[in-house]
C-alpha atoms as a PDB file:
ATOM      1  CA  MET A   1      25.476 171.062 189.740  1.00  0.00           C
ATOM      2  CA  GLU A   2      25.116 167.693 187.605  1.00  0.00           C
ATOM      3  CA  LYS A   3      24.180 167.898 184.115  1.00  0.00           C
ATOM      4  CA  PRO A   4      22.040 165.558 183.239  1.00  0.00           C
ATOM      5  CA  GLU A   5      22.300 165.087 179.737  1.00  0.00           C
ATOM      6  CA  LEU A   6      26.487 163.892 180.609  1.00  0.00           C
ATOM      7  CA  VAL A   7      24.313 160.838 182.436  1.00  0.00           C
ATOM      8  CA  SER A   8      23.078 157.826 181.334  1.00  0.00           C
ATOM      9  CA  HIS A   9      19.111 158.311 180.932  1.00  0.00           C
ATOM     10  CA  SER A  10      18.822 154.774 183.012  1.00  0.00           C
ATOM     11  CA  CYS A  11      20.665 155.794 186.257  1.00  0.00           C
ATOM     12  CA  TRP A  12      17.666 158.234 186.616  1.00  0.00           C
ATOM     13  CA  PRO A  13      15.272 156.325 188.113  1.00  0.00           C
ATOM     14  CA  ARG A  14      17.682 155.056 190.641  1.00  0.00           C
ATOM     15  CA  ARG A  15      18.630 158.590 191.525  1.00  0.00           C
ATOM     16  CA  HIS A  16      14.896 159.311 192.376  1.00  0.00           C
ATOM     17  CA  ARG A  17      14.995 158.603 196.261  1.00  0.00           C
ATOM     18  CA  VAL A  18      17.678 161.236 196.533  1.00  0.00           C
ATOM     19  CA  PHE A  19      14.861 163.487 195.417  1.00  0.00           C
ATOM     20  CA  TYR A  20      12.793 163.029 198.247  1.00  0.00           C
ATOM     21  CA  LYS A  21      15.697 163.037 200.685  1.00  0.00           C
ATOM     22  CA  ILE A  22      16.794 166.536 199.760  1.00  0.00           C
ATOM     23  CA  LYS A  23      13.120 167.785 200.045  1.00  0.00           C
ATOM     24  CA  GLU A  24      12.823 166.503 203.136  1.00  0.00           C
ATOM     25  CA  ASN A  25      15.769 168.565 204.721  1.00  0.00           C
ATOM     26  CA  PRO A  26      15.627 172.720 204.188  1.00  0.00           C
ATOM     27  CA  MET A  27      19.250 173.094 204.943  1.00  0.00           C
ATOM     28  CA  VAL A  28      19.905 171.641 201.142  1.00  0.00           C
ATOM     29  CA  LYS A  29      19.200 172.403 198.111  1.00  0.00           C
ATOM     30  CA  TRP A  30      20.309 170.900 194.534  1.00  0.00           C
ATOM     31  CA  ILE A  31      20.829 172.559 191.580  1.00  0.00           C
ATOM     32  CA  LEU A  32      20.219 171.116 188.259  1.00  0.00           C
ATOM     33  CA  SER A  33      20.768 172.113 184.740  1.00  0.00           C
ATOM     34  CA  TYR A  34      18.496 170.156 182.151  1.00  0.00           C
ATOM     35  CA  ARG A  35      16.978 170.523 178.890  1.00  0.00           C
ATOM     36  CA  PRO A  36      13.053 170.527 179.049  1.00  0.00           C
ATOM     37  CA  GLU A  37      12.467 167.959 176.880  1.00  0.00           C
ATOM     38  CA  TYR A  38      14.213 165.628 179.883  1.00  0.00           C
ATOM     39  CA  GLU A  39      11.909 167.194 182.858  1.00  0.00           C
ATOM     40  CA  LYS A  40       9.818 164.177 182.634  1.00  0.00           C
ATOM     41  CA  LEU A  41      12.769 161.492 182.109  1.00  0.00           C
ATOM     42  CA  ILE A  42      14.110 163.025 185.027  1.00  0.00           C
ATOM     43  CA  PHE A  43      11.826 163.904 188.066  1.00  0.00           C
ATOM     44  CA  PRO A  44       9.180 161.251 188.870  1.00  0.00           C
ATOM     45  CA  ASP A  45       5.645 162.448 188.466  1.00  0.00           C
ATOM     46  CA  SER A  46       4.726 162.648 191.985  1.00  0.00           C
ATOM     47  CA  PHE A  47       8.078 165.027 192.345  1.00  0.00           C
ATOM     48  CA  LEU A  48       6.492 167.581 189.926  1.00  0.00           C
ATOM     49  CA  GLU A  49       2.851 167.816 192.053  1.00  0.00           C
ATOM     50  CA  GLY A  50       2.934 171.079 193.823  1.00  0.00           C
ATOM     51  CA  ARG A  51       6.295 172.599 192.480  1.00  0.00           C
ATOM     52  CA  GLY A  52       5.904 175.923 195.026  1.00  0.00           C
ATOM     53  CA  ASP A  53       9.149 174.982 196.790  1.00  0.00           C
ATOM     54  CA  ILE A  54      10.674 174.427 193.152  1.00  0.00           C
ATOM     55  CA  VAL A  55      12.833 177.478 191.879  1.00  0.00           C
ATOM     56  CA  THR A  56      12.809 176.921 187.801  1.00  0.00           C
ATOM     57  CA  MET A  57      14.900 179.135 185.729  1.00  0.00           C
ATOM     58  CA  LEU A  58      14.617 178.928 181.812  1.00  0.00           C
ATOM     59  CA  HIS A  59      17.937 180.355 179.767  1.00  0.00           C
ATOM     60  CA  ARG A  60      16.581 181.210 175.886  1.00  0.00           C
ATOM     61  CA  GLY A  61      19.872 181.185 174.820  1.00  0.00           C
ATOM     62  CA  PHE A  62      20.877 183.897 172.509  1.00  0.00           C
ATOM     63  CA  GLU A  63      16.944 183.869 171.245  1.00  0.00           C
ATOM     64  CA  ASP A  64      16.005 187.594 171.907  1.00  0.00           C
ATOM     65  CA  ASN A  65      19.717 188.645 169.566  1.00  0.00           C
ATOM     66  CA  SER A  66      20.541 185.812 168.079  1.00  0.00           C
ATOM     67  CA  ILE A  67      21.702 187.590 164.894  1.00  0.00           C
ATOM     68  CA  SER A  68      24.476 189.543 166.864  1.00  0.00           C
ATOM     69  CA  ALA A  69      25.363 186.472 168.917  1.00  0.00           C
ATOM     70  CA  ALA A  70      25.584 184.339 166.361  1.00  0.00           C
ATOM     71  CA  SER A  71      27.690 186.817 163.959  1.00  0.00           C
ATOM     72  CA  GLU A  72      30.045 187.345 166.858  1.00  0.00           C
ATOM     73  CA  PHE A  73      30.747 183.653 166.776  1.00  0.00           C
ATOM     74  CA  LEU A  74      31.232 182.925 163.533  1.00  0.00           C
ATOM     75  CA  ASN A  75      33.578 186.163 162.513  1.00  0.00           C
ATOM     76  CA  HIS A  76      35.595 184.964 165.553  1.00  0.00           C
ATOM     77  CA  TYR A  77      36.172 181.687 164.054  1.00  0.00           C
ATOM     78  CA  ASN A  78      36.186 183.445 160.398  1.00  0.00           C
ATOM     79  CA  ILE A  79      33.093 181.705 159.367  1.00  0.00           C
ATOM     80  CA  PRO A  80      31.197 183.713 157.027  1.00  0.00           C
ATOM     81  CA  PHE A  81      28.053 184.756 158.203  1.00  0.00           C
ATOM     82  CA  THR A  82      25.020 184.315 155.804  1.00  0.00           C
ATOM     83  CA  PRO A  83      21.278 182.840 155.995  1.00  0.00           C
ATOM     84  CA  LEU A  84      22.663 179.424 155.695  1.00  0.00           C
ATOM     85  CA  GLU A  85      24.131 179.600 158.975  1.00  0.00           C
ATOM     86  CA  TYR A  86      21.656 182.015 160.575  1.00  0.00           C
ATOM     87  CA  PHE A  87      18.752 180.093 159.614  1.00  0.00           C
ATOM     88  CA  GLY A  88      20.324 176.646 160.864  1.00  0.00           C
ATOM     89  CA  TYR A  89      18.157 174.912 163.170  1.00  0.00           C
ATOM     90  CA  GLU A  90      19.874 175.385 166.657  1.00  0.00           C
ATOM     91  CA  MET A  91      21.772 178.794 166.155  1.00  0.00           C
ATOM     92  CA  SER A  92      20.565 180.572 169.679  1.00  0.00           C
ATOM     93  CA  ASN A  93      21.804 178.119 171.077  1.00  0.00           C
ATOM     94  CA  PRO A  94      25.200 178.539 173.200  1.00  0.00           C
ATOM     95  CA  LEU A  95      26.638 175.577 173.612  1.00  0.00           C
ATOM     96  CA  PHE A  96      25.438 174.088 170.222  1.00  0.00           C
ATOM     97  CA  LEU A  97      27.160 177.266 168.409  1.00  0.00           C
ATOM     98  CA  THR A  98      30.398 176.618 170.051  1.00  0.00           C
ATOM     99  CA  LEU A  99      30.368 173.265 168.657  1.00  0.00           C
ATOM    100  CA  TYR A 100      29.501 173.865 165.093  1.00  0.00           C
ATOM    101  CA  CYS A 101      32.270 177.122 165.158  1.00  0.00           C
ATOM    102  CA  LYS A 102      34.519 174.479 166.473  1.00  0.00           C
ATOM    103  CA  THR A 103      33.978 171.931 163.539  1.00  0.00           C
ATOM    104  CA  TYR A 104      32.701 173.756 160.910  1.00  0.00           C
ATOM    105  CA  ASN A 105      33.885 171.974 157.456  1.00  0.00           C
ATOM    106  CA  GLY A 106      33.247 174.698 155.151  1.00  0.00           C
ATOM    107  CA  GLU A 107      29.514 172.853 154.023  1.00  0.00           C
ATOM    108  CA  GLU A 108      26.303 175.096 154.040  1.00  0.00           C
ATOM    109  CA  VAL A 109      23.648 174.823 156.294  1.00  0.00           C
ATOM    110  CA  SER A 110      20.852 173.756 154.164  1.00  0.00           C
ATOM    111  CA  LEU A 111      18.081 177.172 153.700  1.00  0.00           C
ATOM    112  CA  PRO A 112      14.721 176.154 153.895  1.00  0.00           C
ATOM    113  CA  ILE A 113      13.760 176.553 150.533  1.00  0.00           C
ATOM    114  CA  LEU A 114       9.475 177.252 151.065  1.00  0.00           C
ATOM    115  CA  TYR A 115       8.816 178.295 147.168  1.00  0.00           C
ATOM    116  CA  ASP A 116       9.883 174.882 145.667  1.00  0.00           C
ATOM    117  CA  ARG A 117       8.299 172.546 148.390  1.00  0.00           C
ATOM    118  CA  VAL A 118       4.875 174.647 148.557  1.00  0.00           C
ATOM    119  CA  ILE A 119       4.226 176.504 145.185  1.00  0.00           C
ATOM    120  CA  GLU A 120       2.347 173.337 143.778  1.00  0.00           C
ATOM    121  CA  HIS A 121      -0.265 172.864 146.243  1.00  0.00           C
ATOM    122  CA  ALA A 122       0.011 176.270 147.619  1.00  0.00           C
ATOM    123  CA  ASN A 123      -3.205 177.989 145.965  1.00  0.00           C
ATOM    124  CA  SER A 124      -5.649 175.756 147.348  1.00  0.00           C
ATOM    125  CA  ASN A 125      -4.838 176.370 151.101  1.00  0.00           C
ATOM    126  CA  ILE A 126      -1.658 178.858 151.035  1.00  0.00           C
ATOM    127  CA  SER A 127      -2.235 180.443 154.289  1.00  0.00           C
ATOM    128  CA  ARG A 128      -2.937 177.219 156.560  1.00  0.00           C
ATOM    129  CA  ILE A 129       0.009 175.087 154.567  1.00  0.00           C
ATOM    130  CA  LEU A 130       2.765 177.737 154.959  1.00  0.00           C
ATOM    131  CA  ARG A 131       1.914 178.059 158.520  1.00  0.00           C
ATOM    132  CA  VAL A 132       2.345 174.894 158.970  1.00  0.00           C
ATOM    133  CA  GLU A 133       5.528 174.423 157.101  1.00  0.00           C
ATOM    134  CA  LEU A 134       7.064 177.637 158.834  1.00  0.00           C
ATOM    135  CA  ARG A 135       6.570 175.803 161.790  1.00  0.00           C
ATOM    136  CA  GLN A 136       8.153 173.138 161.250  1.00  0.00           C
ATOM    137  CA  LYS A 137      10.924 175.070 160.597  1.00  0.00           C
ATOM    138  CA  GLY A 138      10.691 176.932 163.560  1.00  0.00           C
ATOM    139  CA  TYR A 139       9.734 180.306 162.488  1.00  0.00           C
ATOM    140  CA  THR A 140       6.784 182.085 163.745  1.00  0.00           C
ATOM    141  CA  GLU A 141       5.387 185.616 164.084  1.00  0.00           C
ATOM    142  CA  ASP A 142       6.907 186.149 168.159  1.00  0.00           C
ATOM    143  CA  ASP A 143       8.764 189.128 168.444  1.00  0.00           C
ATOM    144  CA  ASP A 144      11.884 187.303 169.522  1.00  0.00           C
ATOM    145  CA  ASN A 145      11.711 185.154 166.577  1.00  0.00           C
ATOM    146  CA  ARG A 146      14.734 185.179 164.464  1.00  0.00           C
ATOM    147  CA  ILE A 147      12.838 185.641 161.235  1.00  0.00           C
ATOM    148  CA  VAL A 148      11.458 188.593 162.760  1.00  0.00           C
ATOM    149  CA  GLN A 149      14.540 189.985 163.830  1.00  0.00           C
ATOM    150  CA  LEU A 150      16.452 189.594 160.415  1.00  0.00           C
ATOM    151  CA  ILE A 151      13.172 191.984 159.020  1.00  0.00           C
ATOM    152  CA  GLN A 152      13.746 194.404 161.770  1.00  0.00           C
ATOM    153  CA  MET A 153      17.674 194.172 160.981  1.00  0.00           C
ATOM    154  CA  TYR A 154      16.897 194.978 157.057  1.00  0.00           C
ATOM    155  CA  ASP A 155      14.191 197.814 158.243  1.00  0.00           C
ATOM    156  CA  LYS A 156      16.683 200.090 160.172  1.00  0.00           C
ATOM    157  CA  GLY A 157      18.905 199.997 156.989  1.00  0.00           C
ATOM    158  CA  GLU A 158      21.527 197.484 158.524  1.00  0.00           C
ATOM    159  CA  LYS A 159      22.462 194.119 156.476  1.00  0.00           C
ATOM    160  CA  LEU A 160      24.087 190.835 156.544  1.00  0.00           C
ATOM    161  CA  GLU A 161      27.125 190.963 154.270  1.00  0.00           C
ATOM    162  CA  ILE A 162      25.986 188.766 151.740  1.00  0.00           C
ATOM    163  CA  SER A 163      28.430 187.876 148.589  1.00  0.00           C
ATOM    164  CA  ASN A 164      26.353 184.427 146.888  1.00  0.00           C
ATOM    165  CA  GLU A 165      23.423 185.834 144.748  1.00  0.00           C
ATOM    166  CA  LYS A 166      21.501 182.652 145.514  1.00  0.00           C
ATOM    167  CA  GLN A 167      21.046 183.197 149.451  1.00  0.00           C
ATOM    168  CA  ILE A 168      19.687 186.693 148.041  1.00  0.00           C
ATOM    169  CA  ASP A 169      17.002 184.972 145.797  1.00  0.00           C
ATOM    170  CA  LEU A 170      16.217 182.510 148.740  1.00  0.00           C
ATOM    171  CA  LEU A 171      16.201 185.077 151.107  1.00  0.00           C
ATOM    172  CA  LEU A 172      13.492 187.118 149.398  1.00  0.00           C
ATOM    173  CA  THR A 173      12.020 184.314 148.540  1.00  0.00           C
ATOM    174  CA  LEU A 174      11.419 183.325 152.448  1.00  0.00           C
ATOM    175  CA  PHE A 175      10.484 187.072 153.135  1.00  0.00           C
ATOM    176  CA  GLY A 176       7.669 186.679 150.177  1.00  0.00           C
ATOM    177  CA  TRP A 177       6.230 183.597 151.467  1.00  0.00           C
ATOM    178  CA  ILE A 178       6.006 186.039 154.855  1.00  0.00           C
ATOM    179  CA  LEU A 179       3.605 187.780 153.179  1.00  0.00           C
ATOM    180  CA  THR A 180       0.543 185.809 153.763  1.00  0.00           C
ATOM    181  CA  SER A 181       0.553 186.632 156.978  1.00  0.00           C
ATOM    182  CA  SER A 182      -2.385 188.527 158.615  1.00  0.00           C
ATOM    183  CA  ASN A 183      -0.307 190.467 160.710  1.00  0.00           C
ATOM    184  CA  ARG A 184      -0.610 193.614 159.770  1.00  0.00           C
ATOM    185  CA  TRP A 185       2.605 194.583 161.638  1.00  0.00           C
ATOM    186  CA  LEU A 186       4.747 191.634 159.927  1.00  0.00           C
ATOM    187  CA  ARG A 187       4.067 192.184 156.389  1.00  0.00           C
ATOM    188  CA  ASP A 188       4.558 195.916 156.695  1.00  0.00           C
ATOM    189  CA  TYR A 189       7.950 195.235 158.229  1.00  0.00           C
ATOM    190  CA  THR A 190       8.493 192.391 155.333  1.00  0.00           C
ATOM    191  CA  SER A 191       7.554 194.783 152.447  1.00  0.00           C
ATOM    192  CA  LYS A 192      10.132 197.228 153.545  1.00  0.00           C
ATOM    193  CA  ALA A 193      13.204 194.931 154.458  1.00  0.00           C
ATOM    194  CA  MET A 194      12.161 193.708 151.194  1.00  0.00           C
ATOM    195  CA  ILE A 195      12.783 196.892 149.553  1.00  0.00           C
ATOM    196  CA  GLU A 196      16.223 197.664 151.642  1.00  0.00           C
ATOM    197  CA  ILE A 197      17.194 194.036 150.176  1.00  0.00           C
ATOM    198  CA  LEU A 198      16.357 194.935 146.493  1.00  0.00           C
ATOM    199  CA  LYS A 199      17.435 198.752 146.613  1.00  0.00           C
ATOM    200  CA  GLU A 200      21.004 197.103 145.961  1.00  0.00           C
ATOM    201  CA  HIS A 201      20.133 193.947 143.996  1.00  0.00           C
ATOM    202  CA  PHE A 202      17.419 195.385 141.656  1.00  0.00           C
ATOM    203  CA  HIS A 203      18.293 192.853 139.309  1.00  0.00           C
ATOM    204  CA  LEU A 204      16.202 190.524 141.122  1.00  0.00           C
ATOM    205  CA  CYS A 205      12.797 192.342 141.277  1.00  0.00           C
ATOM    206  CA  GLN A 206      11.554 190.546 137.851  1.00  0.00           C
ATOM    207  CA  ILE A 207      13.371 187.386 139.180  1.00  0.00           C
ATOM    208  CA  ILE A 208      10.821 187.612 142.538  1.00  0.00           C
ATOM    209  CA  LEU A 209       7.797 188.642 140.234  1.00  0.00           C
ATOM    210  CA  ALA A 210       7.965 185.714 137.874  1.00  0.00           C
ATOM    211  CA  LYS A 211       8.482 183.363 140.544  1.00  0.00           C
ATOM    212  CA  PHE A 212       5.325 184.279 142.287  1.00  0.00           C
ATOM    213  CA  LYS A 213       3.656 184.678 139.131  1.00  0.00           C
ATOM    214  CA  LYS A 214       0.951 181.894 139.617  1.00  0.00           C
ATOM    215  CA  VAL A 215       0.295 181.839 143.321  1.00  0.00           C
ATOM    216  CA  ASN A 216      -3.480 183.552 143.781  1.00  0.00           C
ATOM    217  CA  ASP A 217      -2.970 185.013 147.567  1.00  0.00           C
ATOM    218  CA  PRO A 218      -3.419 188.765 146.598  1.00  0.00           C
ATOM    219  CA  TYR A 219      -1.675 189.378 150.146  1.00  0.00           C
ATOM    220  CA  ILE A 220       1.531 188.274 148.429  1.00  0.00           C
ATOM    221  CA  ILE A 221       1.124 189.313 144.570  1.00  0.00           C
ATOM    222  CA  GLN A 222      -0.336 193.101 145.830  1.00  0.00           C
ATOM    223  CA  ARG A 223       2.884 193.605 147.626  1.00  0.00           C
ATOM    224  CA  LEU A 224       5.075 192.426 145.989  1.00  0.00           C
ATOM    225  CA  TYR A 225       4.240 194.856 143.109  1.00  0.00           C
ATOM    226  CA  GLY A 226       4.325 197.663 145.878  1.00  0.00           C
ATOM    227  CA  ILE A 227       7.799 196.447 146.939  1.00  0.00           C
ATOM    228  CA  VAL A 228       8.927 196.334 143.449  1.00  0.00           C
ATOM    229  CA  PHE A 229       7.766 200.237 143.205  1.00  0.00           C
ATOM    230  CA  GLY A 230       9.610 200.710 146.251  1.00  0.00           C
ATOM    231  CA  ALA A 231      12.709 199.743 145.453  1.00  0.00           C
ATOM    232  CA  CYS A 232      12.595 201.118 141.830  1.00  0.00           C
ATOM    233  CA  CYS A 233      12.170 204.842 143.867  1.00  0.00           C
ATOM    234  CA  LYS A 234      14.901 203.659 145.739  1.00  0.00           C
ATOM    235  CA  ARG A 235      17.126 201.437 143.774  1.00  0.00           C
ATOM    236  CA  ILE A 236      21.135 202.473 143.549  1.00  0.00           C
ATOM    237  CA  ASP A 237      21.414 201.348 139.900  1.00  0.00           C
ATOM    238  CA  THR A 238      20.147 203.932 138.484  1.00  0.00           C
ATOM    239  CA  LYS A 239      20.273 202.509 134.838  1.00  0.00           C
ATOM    240  CA  SER A 240      17.143 202.047 133.119  1.00  0.00           C
ATOM    241  CA  PHE A 241      14.991 199.171 134.000  1.00  0.00           C
ATOM    242  CA  GLN A 242      13.202 198.405 130.655  1.00  0.00           C
ATOM    243  CA  THR A 243      12.949 195.197 130.652  1.00  0.00           C
ATOM    244  CA  LEU A 244      11.235 194.966 133.832  1.00  0.00           C
ATOM    245  CA  ALA A 245       8.939 197.661 133.081  1.00  0.00           C
ATOM    246  CA  GLU A 246       8.068 195.822 130.093  1.00  0.00           C
ATOM    247  CA  TYR A 247       7.511 192.637 132.067  1.00  0.00           C
ATOM    248  CA  VAL A 248       5.224 194.404 134.209  1.00  0.00           C
ATOM    249  CA  TYR A 249       3.103 195.646 130.945  1.00  0.00           C
ATOM    250  CA  HIS A 250       2.910 192.410 129.364  1.00  0.00           C
ATOM    251  CA  THR A 251       2.001 190.605 132.869  1.00  0.00           C
ATOM    252  CA  VAL A 252      -0.295 192.786 133.994  1.00  0.00           C
ATOM    253  CA  PHE A 253      -1.993 194.988 131.265  1.00  0.00           C
ATOM    254  CA  ASP A 254      -1.072 193.387 128.208  1.00  0.00           C
ATOM    255  CA  GLN A 255      -3.832 190.654 128.789  1.00  0.00           C
ATOM    256  CA  GLU A 256      -7.220 190.025 128.206  1.00  0.00           C
ATOM    257  CA  LYS A 257      -8.697 190.502 131.255  1.00  0.00           C
ATOM    258  CA  VAL A 258      -6.891 192.520 133.919  1.00  0.00           C
ATOM    259  CA  TYR A 259      -5.477 191.182 137.549  1.00  0.00           C
ATOM    260  CA  PRO A 260      -8.667 192.149 139.138  1.00  0.00           C
ATOM    261  CA  ASP A 261      -7.121 193.869 142.364  1.00  0.00           C
ATOM    262  CA  ILE A 262      -7.132 197.416 142.847  1.00  0.00           C
ATOM    263  CA  LEU A 263      -3.838 198.040 144.413  1.00  0.00           C
ATOM    264  CA  LEU A 264      -1.774 195.528 142.321  1.00  0.00           C
ATOM    265  CA  ARG A 265      -2.930 197.802 139.096  1.00  0.00           C
ATOM    266  CA  ASP A 266      -1.893 200.675 140.825  1.00  0.00           C
ATOM    267  CA  TYR A 267       1.353 199.803 141.869  1.00  0.00           C
ATOM    268  CA  ALA A 268       2.346 198.271 138.469  1.00  0.00           C
ATOM    269  CA  ARG A 269       0.977 201.088 136.746  1.00  0.00           C
ATOM    270  CA  LEU A 270       3.304 203.178 138.803  1.00  0.00           C
ATOM    271  CA  ILE A 271       6.200 201.092 138.213  1.00  0.00           C
ATOM    272  CA  ILE A 272       5.328 201.076 134.770  1.00  0.00           C
ATOM    273  CA  GLU A 273       5.089 205.204 135.065  1.00  0.00           C
ATOM    274  CA  ARG A 274       7.796 205.687 136.965  1.00  0.00           C
ATOM    275  CA  PHE A 275      10.431 204.056 133.891  1.00  0.00           C
ATOM    276  CA  LEU A 276       8.617 206.233 131.625  1.00  0.00           C
ATOM    277  CA  TYR A 277       9.385 209.520 133.826  1.00  0.00           C
ATOM    278  CA  GLU A 278      12.582 208.329 133.533  1.00  0.00           C
ATOM    279  CA  ASP A 279      12.911 207.418 129.766  1.00  0.00           C
ATOM    280  CA  PRO A 280      10.921 209.924 128.241  1.00  0.00           C
ATOM    281  CA  GLU A 281      12.139 208.823 124.189  1.00  0.00           C
ATOM    282  CA  TYR A 282      11.018 205.400 124.649  1.00  0.00           C
ATOM    283  CA  THR A 283       9.178 203.749 121.709  1.00  0.00           C
ATOM    284  CA  GLY A 284       8.794 200.062 122.740  1.00  0.00           C
ATOM    285  CA  MET A 285       5.860 197.750 123.236  1.00  0.00           C
ATOM    286  CA  ILE A 286       4.254 199.365 126.095  1.00  0.00           C
ATOM    287  CA  ASP A 287       1.091 200.945 125.193  1.00  0.00           C
ATOM    288  CA  ARG A 288       0.639 203.845 127.251  1.00  0.00           C
ATOM    289  CA  GLU A 289      -3.111 203.737 127.256  1.00  0.00           C
ATOM    290  CA  LYS A 290      -3.834 200.159 128.597  1.00  0.00           C
ATOM    291  CA  ILE A 291      -2.238 201.045 132.071  1.00  0.00           C
ATOM    292  CA  ILE A 292      -4.966 204.289 132.331  1.00  0.00           C
ATOM    293  CA  PRO A 293      -7.921 203.096 134.055  1.00  0.00           C
ATOM    294  CA  PRO A 294     -10.636 201.454 133.815  1.00  0.00           C
ATOM    295  CA  TYR A 295      -9.405 198.447 133.169  1.00  0.00           C
ATOM    296  CA  ASN A 296     -11.186 195.529 131.188  1.00  0.00           C
ATOM    297  CA  SER A 297     -12.170 193.222 133.908  1.00  0.00           C
ATOM    298  CA  ASP A 298     -15.126 190.804 134.969  1.00  0.00           C
ATOM    299  CA  PRO A 299     -17.374 192.785 136.536  1.00  0.00           C
ATOM    300  CA  ILE A 300     -18.421 191.543 140.105  1.00  0.00           C
ATOM    301  CA  PRO A 301     -21.074 188.751 139.723  1.00  0.00           C
ATOM    302  CA  GLU A 302     -24.398 189.179 140.935  1.00  0.00           C
ATOM    303  CA  ILE A 303     -25.232 186.376 143.608  1.00  0.00           C
ATOM    304  CA  GLU A 304     -29.215 185.316 144.616  1.00  0.00           C
ATOM    305  CA  ASP A 305     -29.843 186.899 148.005  1.00  0.00           C
ATOM    306  CA  GLN A 306     -28.592 184.619 150.912  1.00  0.00           C
ATOM    307  CA  HIS A 307     -30.320 186.383 153.671  1.00  0.00           C
ATOM    308  CA  TYR A 308     -27.440 186.351 155.737  1.00  0.00           C
ATOM    309  CA  LEU A 309     -28.634 189.002 157.915  1.00  0.00           C
ATOM    310  CA  GLU A 310     -31.882 186.744 158.901  1.00  0.00           C
ATOM    311  CA  LYS A 311     -30.026 183.769 160.045  1.00  0.00           C
ATOM    312  CA  GLU A 312     -28.616 182.610 163.187  1.00  0.00           C
ATOM    313  CA  TYR A 313     -25.467 181.729 163.484  1.00  0.00           C
ATOM    314  CA  ASN A 314     -23.295 180.158 166.220  1.00  0.00           C
ATOM    315  CA  GLY A 315     -18.994 180.239 167.287  1.00  0.00           C
ATOM    316  CA  ALA A 316     -16.763 181.511 164.093  1.00  0.00           C
ATOM    317  CA  MET A 317     -19.730 182.273 161.610  1.00  0.00           C
ATOM    318  CA  TYR A 318     -21.540 184.624 164.623  1.00  0.00           C
ATOM    319  CA  TRP A 319     -18.091 186.390 165.007  1.00  0.00           C
ATOM    320  CA  LEU A 320     -17.527 186.652 161.295  1.00  0.00           C
ATOM    321  CA  MET A 321     -21.348 188.230 160.772  1.00  0.00           C
ATOM    322  CA  HIS A 322     -20.260 190.495 164.115  1.00  0.00           C
ATOM    323  CA  SER A 323     -17.738 192.173 162.312  1.00  0.00           C
ATOM    324  CA  MET A 324     -18.562 192.554 159.007  1.00  0.00           C
ATOM    325  CA  ARG A 325     -21.763 194.334 158.920  1.00  0.00           C
ATOM    326  CA  PHE A 326     -22.724 197.324 157.515  1.00  0.00           C
ATOM    327  CA  GLU A 327     -24.263 200.358 159.046  1.00  0.00           C
ATOM    328  CA  GLY A 328     -27.560 200.103 158.116  1.00  0.00           C
ATOM    329  CA  MET A 329     -27.644 196.380 158.672  1.00  0.00           C
ATOM    330  CA  GLY A 330     -27.988 196.292 162.379  1.00  0.00           C
ATOM    331  CA  MET A 331     -25.605 196.582 165.132  1.00  0.00           C
ATOM    332  CA  TYR A 332     -22.227 197.344 162.862  1.00  0.00           C
ATOM    333  CA  GLY A 333     -19.148 195.682 162.968  1.00  0.00           C
ATOM    334  CA  ASP A 334     -15.687 197.644 163.135  1.00  0.00           C
ATOM    335  CA  PHE A 335     -14.618 196.024 160.137  1.00  0.00           C
ATOM    336  CA  GLY A 336     -17.710 196.051 158.274  1.00  0.00           C
ATOM    337  CA  ARG A 337     -18.441 199.947 158.663  1.00  0.00           C
ATOM    338  CA  TYR A 338     -14.970 201.833 159.097  1.00  0.00           C
ATOM    339  CA  VAL A 339     -12.837 199.542 156.605  1.00  0.00           C
ATOM    340  CA  PHE A 340     -15.308 197.150 154.518  1.00  0.00           C
ATOM    341  CA  GLN A 341     -18.354 199.896 153.255  1.00  0.00           C
ATOM    342  CA  SER A 342     -15.756 203.080 154.091  1.00  0.00           C
ATOM    343  CA  ALA A 343     -13.755 201.515 151.038  1.00  0.00           C
ATOM    344  CA  LEU A 344     -16.871 201.399 148.733  1.00  0.00           C
ATOM    345  CA  HIS A 345     -17.845 204.868 149.276  1.00  0.00           C
ATOM    346  CA  ASP A 346     -15.786 205.973 146.411  1.00  0.00           C
ATOM    347  CA  PHE A 347     -17.195 203.210 144.017  1.00  0.00           C
ATOM    348  CA  ASP A 348     -20.828 203.000 142.203  1.00  0.00           C
ATOM    349  CA  VAL A 349     -21.680 199.532 143.713  1.00  0.00           C
ATOM    350  CA  ASP A 350     -24.747 198.382 145.889  1.00  0.00           C
ATOM    351  CA  ASP A 351     -23.517 198.101 149.245  1.00  0.00           C
ATOM    352  CA  LYS A 352     -26.282 195.396 150.476  1.00  0.00           C
ATOM    353  CA  LYS A 353     -24.753 193.365 147.243  1.00  0.00           C
ATOM    354  CA  MET A 354     -21.532 194.081 147.748  1.00  0.00           C
ATOM    355  CA  PHE A 355     -21.979 192.600 151.520  1.00  0.00           C
ATOM    356  CA  ASN A 356     -23.662 189.213 150.100  1.00  0.00           C
ATOM    357  CA  TYR A 357     -21.291 189.326 147.477  1.00  0.00           C
ATOM    358  CA  ASP A 358     -18.590 189.111 150.066  1.00  0.00           C
ATOM    359  CA  LEU A 359     -19.805 186.521 152.425  1.00  0.00           C
END
């Protein structure tokens, strides 16, 4: 067996004639181990055409169990297993992991601090920007991805033994950005993982809320308040969380206009009510009347009818309209009828105006 990475790249073109000689002899086989990025360098184009007689196997290293593999390697060499090591680019590569452990010099591998790099321009196009940022760092939404493995680990009640508070803060920040995903499963599991972390590091609740305060993506803000409420109920430290409750009160309710998101308001109210339930003698800044609906917010604006239902559409807009149609608007869409329209039944609103405003 030859390993092409051990041979000078300039030698491979001269070896091409060997491939053809082997190909002509059915009794001789050549086993070649190489990294996928070397394929075009190693093989001539004509050799790769019609590969029916070539058997290929792709070794994915520790991709499917990278947490346990990296942990076992690092523990063997007495190297602390933290997110800084775990998110290193090649930590699912057995060869790299071995070399890393043998040459370890005590310096930390930088964990991508997505927050500091994205926050300034995230609000303009947050989902697209974050997808690019995450993809560049090797993060995807695949089930076998390292970050999904880590999220699932916390969801199961397992955890990384992290003593460095800054690393925990960074891990929560990274999980917070994952909440922008349109993948409901991923957002749900990420939320549960964050609750599991915050219940043991409850003082970070206010820090994480403040860190994402200026982000206007409701997927993030709404979920974070739900996560913090979950942490309030499951926290190990049973001391009063007056500071957090007052922060939530001031940020959400003690404003001229209350943030226009029904779920965020509900989670924020529940956080405060939980605190007041645990501390009934409280006489501080929280005005109980202000946390009870209805709240002072801008009304849904009336806009001129755009006659969306009378227009012809192609491509993505066609499918959007097909999905968004309410019952009574022709062939309704599943989302339009069962998700959007059904959610409006409890409110005194005009369905057609809401449809027009939403589109």
